[in-house]
Amino acid sequence: MPRILIIDDQKDVRAMVAIVLRVNRYEVAEADSGAAGLKTFAEGSFDVAIVDIFLGDVSGVDVIATLREQAPGLPIVAVSGMTALDFMEQSPHLASVVCLQKPFRPNDLLHALRKAQAAAGGELPAAV
């Protein structure tokens, strides 16, 4: 079962994303801050990360850059409700990050996961 790390400081968003993923047979770990997310990532093995760009403690862009340093081929979906995410293309660490604008529908999330996996060079195994 593919493991996905959700890093978002909004409890309701994390809960909605986790429900959608669990229904679609993903194993999910949740983190409520960038620091907690990086700690969780370091302690486990994940197939994909979903990272909010505007976290309370650090920038989601910095979190993504750190994840990329630790796991260069990790598929990542960046989510945000506050910006068009155009700046994501400005850093080499952010290449192939798939952006998803809040609010999004469950199918949008699943499509973004497949797109992130394809961008990272593979397919995400799942019953979606």
N, C-alpha and C. Protein backbone atom coordinates (compact mmCIF):
# COMPACT_ATOMS: atom_id res chain seq x y z
N MET A 1 0.84 -1.17 0.00
CA MET A 1 0.00 0.00 0.00
C MET A 1 0.90 1.25 0.00
N PRO A 2 0.73 2.15 -0.95
CA PRO A 2 1.55 3.37 -1.02
C PRO A 2 1.35 4.24 0.23
N ARG A 3 2.46 4.81 0.72
CA ARG A 3 2.41 5.67 1.90
C ARG A 3 2.54 7.13 1.48
N ILE A 4 1.64 7.95 2.01
CA ILE A 4 1.64 9.37 1.68
C ILE A 4 1.75 10.20 2.95
N LEU A 5 2.62 11.19 2.94
CA LEU A 5 2.78 12.12 4.05
C LEU A 5 2.04 13.41 3.70
N ILE A 6 1.14 13.82 4.59
CA ILE A 6 0.40 15.07 4.43
C ILE A 6 0.97 16.07 5.43
N ILE A 7 1.47 17.20 4.93
CA ILE A 7 1.98 18.26 5.81
C ILE A 7 1.12 19.49 5.57
N ASP A 8 0.25 19.78 6.53
CA ASP A 8 -0.66 20.93 6.42
C ASP A 8 -1.02 21.37 7.83
N ASP A 9 -0.97 22.68 8.10
CA ASP A 9 -1.27 23.16 9.44
C ASP A 9 -2.77 23.33 9.69
N GLN A 10 -3.60 23.10 8.69
CA GLN A 10 -5.05 23.19 8.86
C GLN A 10 -5.61 21.78 9.08
N LYS A 11 -6.11 21.56 10.29
CA LYS A 11 -6.59 20.23 10.68
C LYS A 11 -7.70 19.72 9.77
N ASP A 12 -8.62 20.60 9.38
CA ASP A 12 -9.73 20.16 8.53
C ASP A 12 -9.26 19.75 7.13
N VAL A 13 -8.27 20.45 6.61
CA VAL A 13 -7.72 20.08 5.29
C VAL A 13 -7.01 18.73 5.38
N ARG A 14 -6.17 18.58 6.41
CA ARG A 14 -5.49 17.29 6.60
C ARG A 14 -6.49 16.15 6.71
N ALA A 15 -7.55 16.37 7.49
CA ALA A 15 -8.55 15.31 7.69
C ALA A 15 -9.25 14.96 6.38
N MET A 16 -9.63 15.95 5.58
CA MET A 16 -10.30 15.69 4.31
C MET A 16 -9.39 14.94 3.36
N VAL A 17 -8.14 15.38 3.26
CA VAL A 17 -7.18 14.72 2.37
C VAL A 17 -6.94 13.29 2.83
N ALA A 18 -6.78 13.10 4.13
CA ALA A 18 -6.53 11.76 4.67
C ALA A 18 -7.70 10.82 4.38
N ILE A 19 -8.92 11.30 4.53
CA ILE A 19 -10.10 10.46 4.26
C ILE A 19 -10.13 10.04 2.80
N VAL A 20 -9.91 11.01 1.90
CA VAL A 20 -9.92 10.69 0.47
C VAL A 20 -8.85 9.65 0.15
N LEU A 21 -7.68 9.82 0.72
CA LEU A 21 -6.58 8.89 0.43
C LEU A 21 -6.83 7.51 1.02
N ARG A 22 -7.33 7.46 2.23
CA ARG A 22 -7.60 6.16 2.86
C ARG A 22 -8.68 5.39 2.12
N VAL A 23 -9.71 6.10 1.68
CA VAL A 23 -10.78 5.46 0.89
C VAL A 23 -10.21 4.87 -0.39
N ASN A 24 -9.17 5.50 -0.93
CA ASN A 24 -8.54 5.03 -2.16
C ASN A 24 -7.32 4.14 -1.89
N ARG A 25 -7.27 3.58 -0.70
CA ARG A 25 -6.29 2.56 -0.32
C ARG A 25 -4.85 3.03 -0.22
N TYR A 26 -4.69 4.24 0.27
CA TYR A 26 -3.36 4.73 0.58
C TYR A 26 -3.18 4.67 2.09
N GLU A 27 -1.95 4.46 2.52
CA GLU A 27 -1.60 4.59 3.94
C GLU A 27 -1.17 6.03 4.13
N VAL A 28 -1.65 6.67 5.20
CA VAL A 28 -1.45 8.10 5.38
C VAL A 28 -0.80 8.40 6.72
N ALA A 29 0.15 9.33 6.70
CA ALA A 29 0.71 9.92 7.92
C ALA A 29 0.45 11.42 7.82
N GLU A 30 0.10 12.03 8.95
CA GLU A 30 -0.22 13.46 8.96
C GLU A 30 0.75 14.22 9.85
N ALA A 31 1.08 15.45 9.43
CA ALA A 31 1.91 16.35 10.23
C ALA A 31 1.29 17.74 10.18
N ASP A 32 1.26 18.40 11.35
CA ASP A 32 0.59 19.70 11.44
C ASP A 32 1.53 20.90 11.30
N SER A 33 2.81 20.63 10.98
CA SER A 33 3.77 21.73 10.78
C SER A 33 4.90 21.23 9.88
N GLY A 34 5.68 22.17 9.38
CA GLY A 34 6.82 21.79 8.56
C GLY A 34 7.83 20.97 9.34
N ALA A 35 8.12 21.40 10.57
CA ALA A 35 9.08 20.68 11.41
C ALA A 35 8.60 19.26 11.70
N ALA A 36 7.32 19.13 12.05
CA ALA A 36 6.77 17.79 12.33
C ALA A 36 6.78 16.93 11.07
N GLY A 37 6.51 17.55 9.94
CA GLY A 37 6.51 16.81 8.68
C GLY A 37 7.89 16.29 8.33
N LEU A 38 8.91 17.12 8.50
CA LEU A 38 10.28 16.69 8.21
C LEU A 38 10.73 15.59 9.17
N LYS A 39 10.31 15.69 10.42
CA LYS A 39 10.64 14.66 11.41
C LYS A 39 9.96 13.34 11.03
N THR A 40 8.68 13.41 10.69
CA THR A 40 7.94 12.21 10.29
C THR A 40 8.56 11.59 9.05
N PHE A 41 8.94 12.42 8.09
CA PHE A 41 9.56 11.92 6.86
C PHE A 41 10.87 11.20 7.17
N ALA A 42 11.66 11.78 8.07
CA ALA A 42 12.95 11.18 8.42
C ALA A 42 12.79 9.84 9.14
N GLU A 43 11.66 9.66 9.81
CA GLU A 43 11.44 8.45 10.59
C GLU A 43 10.76 7.33 9.80
N GLY A 44 10.30 7.63 8.60
CA GLY A 44 9.55 6.62 7.85
C GLY A 44 9.94 6.59 6.39
N SER A 45 9.22 5.77 5.66
CA SER A 45 9.42 5.65 4.23
C SER A 45 8.12 6.05 3.54
N PHE A 46 8.20 7.02 2.64
CA PHE A 46 7.00 7.54 1.98
C PHE A 46 7.16 7.50 0.47
N ASP A 47 6.03 7.28 -0.21
CA ASP A 47 5.99 7.24 -1.67
C ASP A 47 5.67 8.60 -2.27
N VAL A 48 4.98 9.46 -1.51
CA VAL A 48 4.55 10.78 -1.98
C VAL A 48 4.43 11.70 -0.77
N ALA A 49 4.65 13.00 -0.98
CA ALA A 49 4.38 14.01 0.05
C ALA A 49 3.42 15.04 -0.51
N ILE A 50 2.46 15.44 0.32
CA ILE A 50 1.54 16.53 -0.01
C ILE A 50 1.86 17.64 0.99
N VAL A 51 2.30 18.80 0.47
CA VAL A 51 2.81 19.86 1.34
C VAL A 51 2.07 21.17 1.09
N ASP A 52 1.53 21.74 2.16
CA ASP A 52 0.92 23.06 2.10
C ASP A 52 2.04 24.09 1.97
N ILE A 53 1.86 25.07 1.13
CA ILE A 53 2.89 26.08 0.91
C ILE A 53 2.98 27.06 2.08
N PHE A 54 1.86 27.40 2.68
CA PHE A 54 1.85 28.36 3.78
C PHE A 54 1.59 27.65 5.09
N LEU A 55 2.67 27.24 5.73
CA LEU A 55 2.61 26.57 7.03
C LEU A 55 2.86 27.61 8.12
N GLY A 56 2.43 27.31 9.32
CA GLY A 56 2.58 28.26 10.41
C GLY A 56 4.01 28.46 10.87
N ASP A 57 4.85 27.43 10.76
CA ASP A 57 6.20 27.53 11.32
C ASP A 57 7.29 27.83 10.30
N VAL A 58 7.19 27.26 9.12
CA VAL A 58 8.19 27.49 8.07
C VAL A 58 7.48 27.55 6.73
N SER A 59 8.22 27.95 5.72
CA SER A 59 7.66 27.97 4.37
C SER A 59 7.55 26.56 3.82
N GLY A 60 6.43 26.24 3.20
CA GLY A 60 6.29 24.95 2.55
C GLY A 60 7.31 24.77 1.43
N VAL A 61 7.72 25.86 0.81
CA VAL A 61 8.75 25.77 -0.23
C VAL A 61 10.05 25.27 0.37
N ASP A 62 10.39 25.75 1.57
CA ASP A 62 11.60 25.27 2.25
C ASP A 62 11.46 23.80 2.63
N VAL A 63 10.28 23.40 3.06
CA VAL A 63 10.03 22.00 3.40
C VAL A 63 10.23 21.12 2.16
N ILE A 64 9.67 21.57 1.04
CA ILE A 64 9.80 20.82 -0.21
C ILE A 64 11.27 20.72 -0.62
N ALA A 65 12.00 21.82 -0.50
CA ALA A 65 13.43 21.80 -0.85
C ALA A 65 14.18 20.80 0.02
N THR A 66 13.86 20.75 1.31
CA THR A 66 14.52 19.79 2.22
C THR A 66 14.14 18.36 1.85
N LEU A 67 12.87 18.13 1.56
CA LEU A 67 12.44 16.79 1.14
C LEU A 67 13.18 16.37 -0.12
N ARG A 68 13.35 17.28 -1.06
CA ARG A 68 14.04 16.98 -2.31
C ARG A 68 15.52 16.68 -2.09
N GLU A 69 16.12 17.36 -1.12
CA GLU A 69 17.52 17.08 -0.79
C GLU A 69 17.66 15.67 -0.22
N GLN A 70 16.69 15.26 0.59
CA GLN A 70 16.74 13.95 1.24
C GLN A 70 16.29 12.83 0.30
N ALA A 71 15.36 13.14 -0.59
CA ALA A 71 14.82 12.13 -1.51
C ALA A 71 14.55 12.79 -2.86
N PRO A 72 15.59 12.92 -3.71
CA PRO A 72 15.46 13.68 -4.96
C PRO A 72 14.32 13.25 -5.88
N GLY A 73 13.96 12.00 -5.90
CA GLY A 73 12.92 11.54 -6.81
C GLY A 73 11.53 11.47 -6.20
N LEU A 74 11.37 11.99 -4.98
CA LEU A 74 10.08 11.90 -4.29
C LEU A 74 9.00 12.70 -5.03
N PRO A 75 7.88 12.06 -5.37
CA PRO A 75 6.76 12.81 -5.94
C PRO A 75 6.16 13.73 -4.87
N ILE A 76 5.95 14.99 -5.24
CA ILE A 76 5.43 15.98 -4.28
C ILE A 76 4.28 16.76 -4.92
N VAL A 77 3.21 16.93 -4.13
CA VAL A 77 2.10 17.79 -4.51
C VAL A 77 2.11 18.98 -3.55
N ALA A 78 2.22 20.19 -4.09
CA ALA A 78 2.17 21.41 -3.29
C ALA A 78 0.76 21.96 -3.35
N VAL A 79 0.19 22.30 -2.19
CA VAL A 79 -1.16 22.84 -2.16
C VAL A 79 -1.15 24.22 -1.52
N SER A 80 -2.03 25.08 -2.01
CA SER A 80 -2.15 26.41 -1.45
C SER A 80 -3.49 27.02 -1.82
N GLY A 81 -4.02 27.81 -0.92
CA GLY A 81 -5.24 28.54 -1.21
C GLY A 81 -5.00 30.02 -1.41
N MET A 82 -3.73 30.44 -1.36
CA MET A 82 -3.45 31.87 -1.34
C MET A 82 -2.70 32.41 -2.55
N THR A 83 -2.25 31.56 -3.43
CA THR A 83 -1.43 32.05 -4.54
C THR A 83 -1.60 31.14 -5.75
N ALA A 84 -1.19 31.63 -6.87
CA ALA A 84 -1.26 30.83 -8.10
C ALA A 84 -0.12 29.83 -8.19
N LEU A 85 0.83 29.87 -7.27
CA LEU A 85 1.95 28.93 -7.21
C LEU A 85 2.90 29.03 -8.40
N ASP A 86 2.85 30.14 -9.12
CA ASP A 86 3.73 30.31 -10.27
C ASP A 86 5.20 30.33 -9.88
N PHE A 87 5.50 30.78 -8.66
CA PHE A 87 6.88 30.89 -8.22
C PHE A 87 7.53 29.53 -8.03
N MET A 88 6.78 28.45 -8.04
CA MET A 88 7.32 27.13 -7.81
C MET A 88 8.37 26.74 -8.85
N GLU A 89 8.30 27.30 -10.03
CA GLU A 89 9.23 26.95 -11.09
C GLU A 89 10.58 27.64 -10.94
N GLN A 90 10.74 28.50 -9.94
CA GLN A 90 11.95 29.30 -9.84
C GLN A 90 13.10 28.60 -9.13
N SER A 91 12.89 27.45 -8.55
CA SER A 91 13.94 26.75 -7.82
C SER A 91 14.15 25.36 -8.39
N PRO A 92 15.40 24.92 -8.53
CA PRO A 92 15.64 23.57 -9.04
C PRO A 92 15.09 22.49 -8.12
N HIS A 93 14.99 22.78 -6.81
CA HIS A 93 14.43 21.80 -5.87
C HIS A 93 12.94 21.58 -6.13
N LEU A 94 12.32 22.52 -6.82
CA LEU A 94 10.87 22.46 -7.00
C LEU A 94 10.48 21.95 -8.38
N ALA A 95 11.47 21.52 -9.15
CA ALA A 95 11.16 20.95 -10.46
C ALA A 95 10.29 19.72 -10.27
N SER A 96 9.35 19.56 -11.12
CA SER A 96 8.40 18.45 -11.16
C SER A 96 7.46 18.38 -9.96
N VAL A 97 7.38 19.45 -9.16
CA VAL A 97 6.38 19.50 -8.11
C VAL A 97 5.04 19.85 -8.76
N VAL A 98 4.03 19.10 -8.42
CA VAL A 98 2.69 19.34 -8.96
C VAL A 98 1.96 20.28 -8.01
N CYS A 99 1.36 21.32 -8.55
CA CYS A 99 0.66 22.31 -7.74
C CYS A 99 -0.85 22.09 -7.79
N LEU A 100 -1.48 22.23 -6.64
CA LEU A 100 -2.92 22.04 -6.52
C LEU A 100 -3.49 23.19 -5.71
N GLN A 101 -4.43 23.91 -6.31
CA GLN A 101 -5.02 25.09 -5.69
C GLN A 101 -6.18 24.69 -4.79
N LYS A 102 -6.20 25.20 -3.55
CA LYS A 102 -7.33 25.01 -2.64
C LYS A 102 -8.41 26.00 -3.01
N PRO A 103 -9.66 25.68 -2.86
CA PRO A 103 -10.17 24.35 -2.49
C PRO A 103 -10.13 23.42 -3.71
N PHE A 104 -10.00 22.14 -3.45
CA PHE A 104 -9.97 21.17 -4.54
C PHE A 104 -10.91 20.01 -4.22
N ARG A 105 -11.31 19.32 -5.26
CA ARG A 105 -12.21 18.17 -5.11
C ARG A 105 -11.37 16.90 -4.96
N PRO A 106 -11.95 15.85 -4.41
CA PRO A 106 -11.20 14.59 -4.26
C PRO A 106 -10.57 14.11 -5.56
N ASN A 107 -11.29 14.20 -6.67
CA ASN A 107 -10.73 13.75 -7.94
C ASN A 107 -9.54 14.60 -8.38
N ASP A 108 -9.57 15.90 -8.03
CA ASP A 108 -8.43 16.77 -8.34
C ASP A 108 -7.19 16.30 -7.58
N LEU A 109 -7.39 15.92 -6.33
CA LEU A 109 -6.29 15.43 -5.51
C LEU A 109 -5.71 14.15 -6.09
N LEU A 110 -6.56 13.21 -6.44
CA LEU A 110 -6.10 11.94 -6.99
C LEU A 110 -5.38 12.14 -8.32
N HIS A 111 -5.90 13.06 -9.14
CA HIS A 111 -5.25 13.37 -10.41
C HIS A 111 -3.87 13.99 -10.15
N ALA A 112 -3.77 14.89 -9.18
CA ALA A 112 -2.48 15.52 -8.85
C ALA A 112 -1.47 14.48 -8.38
N LEU A 113 -1.93 13.50 -7.60
CA LEU A 113 -1.03 12.43 -7.15
C LEU A 113 -0.48 11.64 -8.32
N ARG A 114 -1.35 11.27 -9.26
CA ARG A 114 -0.89 10.53 -10.43
C ARG A 114 0.07 11.37 -11.26
N LYS A 115 -0.23 12.65 -11.40
CA LYS A 115 0.62 13.55 -12.17
C LYS A 115 2.00 13.72 -11.50
N ALA A 116 2.01 13.81 -10.17
CA ALA A 116 3.28 13.94 -9.44
C ALA A 116 4.13 12.70 -9.61
N GLN A 117 3.49 11.55 -9.56
CA GLN A 117 4.22 10.30 -9.73
C GLN A 117 4.79 10.20 -11.14
N ALA A 118 4.00 10.58 -12.12
CA ALA A 118 4.47 10.55 -13.51
C ALA A 118 5.64 11.53 -13.69
N ALA A 119 5.55 12.71 -13.05
CA ALA A 119 6.62 13.70 -13.15
C ALA A 119 7.90 13.19 -12.50
N ALA A 120 7.75 12.32 -11.50
CA ALA A 120 8.92 11.77 -10.80
C ALA A 120 9.47 10.54 -11.51
N GLY A 121 8.79 10.13 -12.56
CA GLY A 121 9.32 9.04 -13.38
C GLY A 121 8.72 7.67 -13.15
N GLY A 122 7.52 7.61 -12.65
CA GLY A 122 6.90 6.31 -12.44
C GLY A 122 5.40 6.42 -12.32
N GLU A 123 4.79 5.34 -11.94
CA GLU A 123 3.35 5.35 -11.71
C GLU A 123 3.08 4.98 -10.26
N LEU A 124 2.10 5.61 -9.68
CA LEU A 124 1.74 5.34 -8.30
C LEU A 124 0.79 4.15 -8.25
N PRO A 125 1.19 3.07 -7.58
CA PRO A 125 0.29 1.94 -7.50
C PRO A 125 -0.89 2.24 -6.59
N ALA A 126 -2.08 2.08 -7.10
CA ALA A 126 -3.26 2.32 -6.30
C ALA A 126 -4.50 1.87 -7.06
N ALA A 127 -5.56 1.72 -6.31
CA ALA A 127 -6.83 1.33 -6.91
C ALA A 127 -7.66 2.59 -7.15
N VAL A 128 -7.13 3.51 -7.96
CA VAL A 128 -7.87 4.74 -8.24
C VAL A 128 -8.27 4.79 -9.70
